[in-house]
Protein backbone atom coordinates (compact mmCIF):
# COMPACT_ATOMS: atom_id res chain seq x y z
CA UNK A 1 -134.48 11.49 -74.28
CA UNK A 2 -133.00 12.22 -70.81
CA UNK A 3 -135.26 14.63 -68.54
CA UNK A 4 -132.62 17.19 -68.66
CA UNK A 5 -132.33 17.25 -71.99
CA UNK A 6 -136.46 17.56 -72.32
CA UNK A 7 -136.37 20.35 -69.90
CA UNK A 8 -133.96 22.08 -71.66
CA UNK A 9 -135.81 21.75 -75.13
CA UNK A 10 -138.99 22.91 -74.04
CA UNK A 11 -137.51 25.94 -71.94
CA UNK A 12 -135.88 26.89 -75.24
CA UNK A 13 -139.21 26.37 -76.84
CA UNK A 14 -141.06 28.44 -74.64
CA UNK A 15 -138.28 31.28 -74.80
CA UNK A 16 -138.81 31.19 -78.24
CA UNK A 17 -142.48 31.31 -78.44
CA UNK A 18 -142.63 34.19 -75.91
CA UNK A 19 -140.04 36.23 -78.15
CA UNK A 20 -141.68 35.42 -81.68
CA UNK A 21 -138.33 33.44 -82.35
CA UNK A 22 -139.43 31.61 -85.47
CA UNK A 23 -135.99 30.29 -86.63
CA UNK A 24 -135.69 28.94 -83.04
CA UNK A 25 -139.54 27.51 -82.86
CA UNK A 26 -138.76 25.59 -85.89
CA UNK A 27 -135.64 24.12 -84.62
CA UNK A 28 -137.50 22.70 -81.57
CA UNK A 29 -140.32 21.11 -83.61
CA UNK A 30 -140.14 17.87 -85.61
CA UNK A 31 -141.10 18.41 -89.27
CA UNK A 32 -143.68 15.86 -88.75
CA UNK A 33 -145.14 17.01 -85.55
CA UNK A 34 -148.42 16.82 -84.49
CA UNK A 35 -150.39 19.24 -82.51
CA UNK A 36 -153.71 17.63 -80.55
CA UNK A 37 -156.11 20.46 -79.70
CA UNK A 38 -159.19 19.87 -77.65
CA UNK A 39 -162.06 18.52 -80.40
CA UNK A 40 -164.27 21.18 -79.14
CA UNK A 41 -162.28 23.65 -81.21
CA UNK A 42 -161.81 21.68 -84.01
CA UNK A 43 -162.35 24.62 -86.86
CA UNK A 44 -164.85 26.03 -84.52
CA UNK A 45 -166.50 29.46 -85.20
CA UNK A 46 -164.30 31.95 -83.46
CA UNK A 47 -161.14 30.03 -83.15
CA UNK A 48 -158.24 30.94 -84.99
CA UNK A 49 -156.28 27.37 -85.90
CA UNK A 50 -157.61 25.17 -88.52
CA UNK A 51 -157.46 21.58 -87.70
CA UNK A 52 -158.64 18.49 -89.42
CA UNK A 53 -161.80 17.25 -88.09
CA UNK A 54 -160.01 15.44 -85.05
CA UNK A 55 -158.62 18.47 -83.77
CA UNK A 56 -155.03 18.16 -85.22
CA UNK A 57 -152.60 20.35 -86.88
CA UNK A 58 -149.58 18.58 -88.40
CA UNK A 59 -146.20 19.57 -89.86
CA UNK A 60 -145.55 22.70 -91.63
CA UNK A 61 -148.93 24.02 -90.43
CA UNK A 62 -148.02 23.51 -86.76
CA UNK A 63 -144.75 26.33 -87.34
CA UNK A 64 -147.16 28.82 -89.15
CA UNK A 65 -149.99 28.55 -86.39
CA UNK A 66 -147.25 28.82 -83.69
CA UNK A 67 -145.01 31.21 -85.39
CA UNK A 68 -147.44 33.90 -85.26
CA UNK A 69 -150.84 33.21 -87.20
CA UNK A 70 -152.63 32.23 -84.17
CA UNK A 71 -151.57 35.05 -82.05
CA UNK A 72 -152.17 37.49 -84.84
CA UNK A 73 -155.63 36.25 -85.80
CA UNK A 74 -156.82 35.33 -82.10
CA UNK A 75 -155.29 38.45 -80.39
CA UNK A 76 -155.20 42.34 -80.66
CA UNK A 77 -151.48 42.52 -80.78
CA UNK A 78 -151.53 46.13 -80.31
CA UNK A 79 -152.70 45.64 -76.52
CA UNK A 80 -151.05 43.89 -73.79
CA UNK A 81 -150.23 39.99 -74.60
CA UNK A 82 -148.85 37.64 -71.76
CA UNK A 83 -148.20 34.31 -71.63
CA UNK A 84 -147.10 33.26 -68.06
CA UNK A 85 -145.60 29.50 -67.60
CA UNK A 86 -146.94 28.70 -63.93
CA UNK A 87 -145.55 24.85 -63.98
CA UNK A 88 -143.46 22.56 -65.76
CA UNK A 89 -143.06 18.90 -64.75
CA UNK A 90 -140.51 16.83 -67.06
CA UNK A 91 -139.82 13.11 -67.02
CA UNK A 92 -137.86 11.38 -69.49
CA UNK A 93 -139.05 12.52 -73.07
CA UNK A 94 -142.35 13.87 -71.45
CA UNK A 95 -143.09 17.16 -70.21
CA UNK A 96 -146.14 18.61 -68.73
CA UNK A 97 -146.53 22.64 -68.64
CA UNK A 98 -149.44 24.72 -67.11
CA UNK A 99 -149.65 28.10 -68.66
CA UNK A 100 -152.03 31.24 -68.51
CA UNK A 101 -152.54 33.63 -71.35
CA UNK A 102 -153.95 36.94 -70.93
CA UNK A 103 -154.72 39.19 -73.94
CA UNK A 104 -157.67 41.07 -75.99
CA UNK A 105 -159.60 39.05 -78.17
CA UNK A 106 -159.01 40.56 -81.81
CA UNK A 107 -162.55 39.72 -83.30
CA UNK A 108 -164.43 41.00 -80.18
CA UNK A 109 -162.27 43.30 -78.11
CA UNK A 110 -163.10 40.95 -75.10
CA UNK A 111 -160.60 40.28 -72.20
CA UNK A 112 -158.91 37.06 -72.69
CA UNK A 113 -157.60 35.15 -69.52
CA UNK A 114 -157.36 31.34 -70.01
CA UNK A 115 -155.36 28.53 -68.45
CA UNK A 116 -153.45 25.83 -70.45
CA UNK A 117 -152.09 22.42 -69.86
CA UNK A 118 -149.76 20.98 -72.57
CA UNK A 119 -148.14 17.66 -72.59
CA UNK A 120 -145.27 17.44 -74.95
CA UNK A 121 -143.47 14.14 -76.12
CA UNK A 122 -139.78 14.77 -77.55
CA UNK A 123 -137.56 12.37 -79.47
CA UNK A 124 -134.06 13.17 -81.06
CA UNK A 125 -134.09 16.84 -79.56
CA UNK A 126 -137.42 17.96 -81.05
CA UNK A 127 -140.62 18.08 -80.03
CA UNK A 128 -142.71 15.35 -81.72
CA UNK A 129 -146.15 15.85 -80.44
CA UNK A 130 -148.09 18.30 -78.48
CA UNK A 131 -151.71 17.78 -76.83
CA UNK A 132 -153.32 21.13 -75.57
CA UNK A 133 -156.06 21.27 -72.86
CA UNK A 134 -157.92 24.47 -72.02
CA UNK A 135 -161.19 26.08 -71.30
CA UNK A 136 -162.32 26.07 -75.01
CA UNK A 137 -165.96 27.51 -73.79
CA UNK A 138 -164.30 30.27 -71.85
CA UNK A 139 -162.14 30.84 -75.27
CA UNK A 140 -165.36 30.90 -77.24
CA UNK A 141 -166.98 33.27 -75.37
CA UNK A 142 -164.52 35.41 -75.42
CA UNK A 143 -163.30 35.22 -79.25
CA UNK A 144 -166.74 34.61 -80.80
CA UNK A 145 -168.52 37.62 -81.85
CA UNK A 146 -171.60 35.79 -82.31
CA UNK A 147 -171.51 35.08 -78.62
């Protein structure tokens, strides 16, 4: 994909993500998409996303997670939630997005404030792979009631 097409796709995806527009999120994702999370969160206690043993979520499960399950399971949605895109770098079919999420952890009531870096690979007008980097220890300290 061309850089401008990738940028348009990622911007459309983030607009849909922040407004919980499930149909547009689905349009932005390949049917066989792979979401690679940090291995330290692979089905870890206190984390909302269910992964395989390598920290991956694939296909339809990605849509379910991004379409609201993760947000509803991880955060108290009756309290303020913010996703702030800080930087976006796009070249060809790759995009890197730095973002910050602030919210209240559902399981603990503790404040959640975490930085993320996402690397997206896009082909044929859809996102085919996304890799997440975040402070998994910070997330665990906020979300895990046993901490």
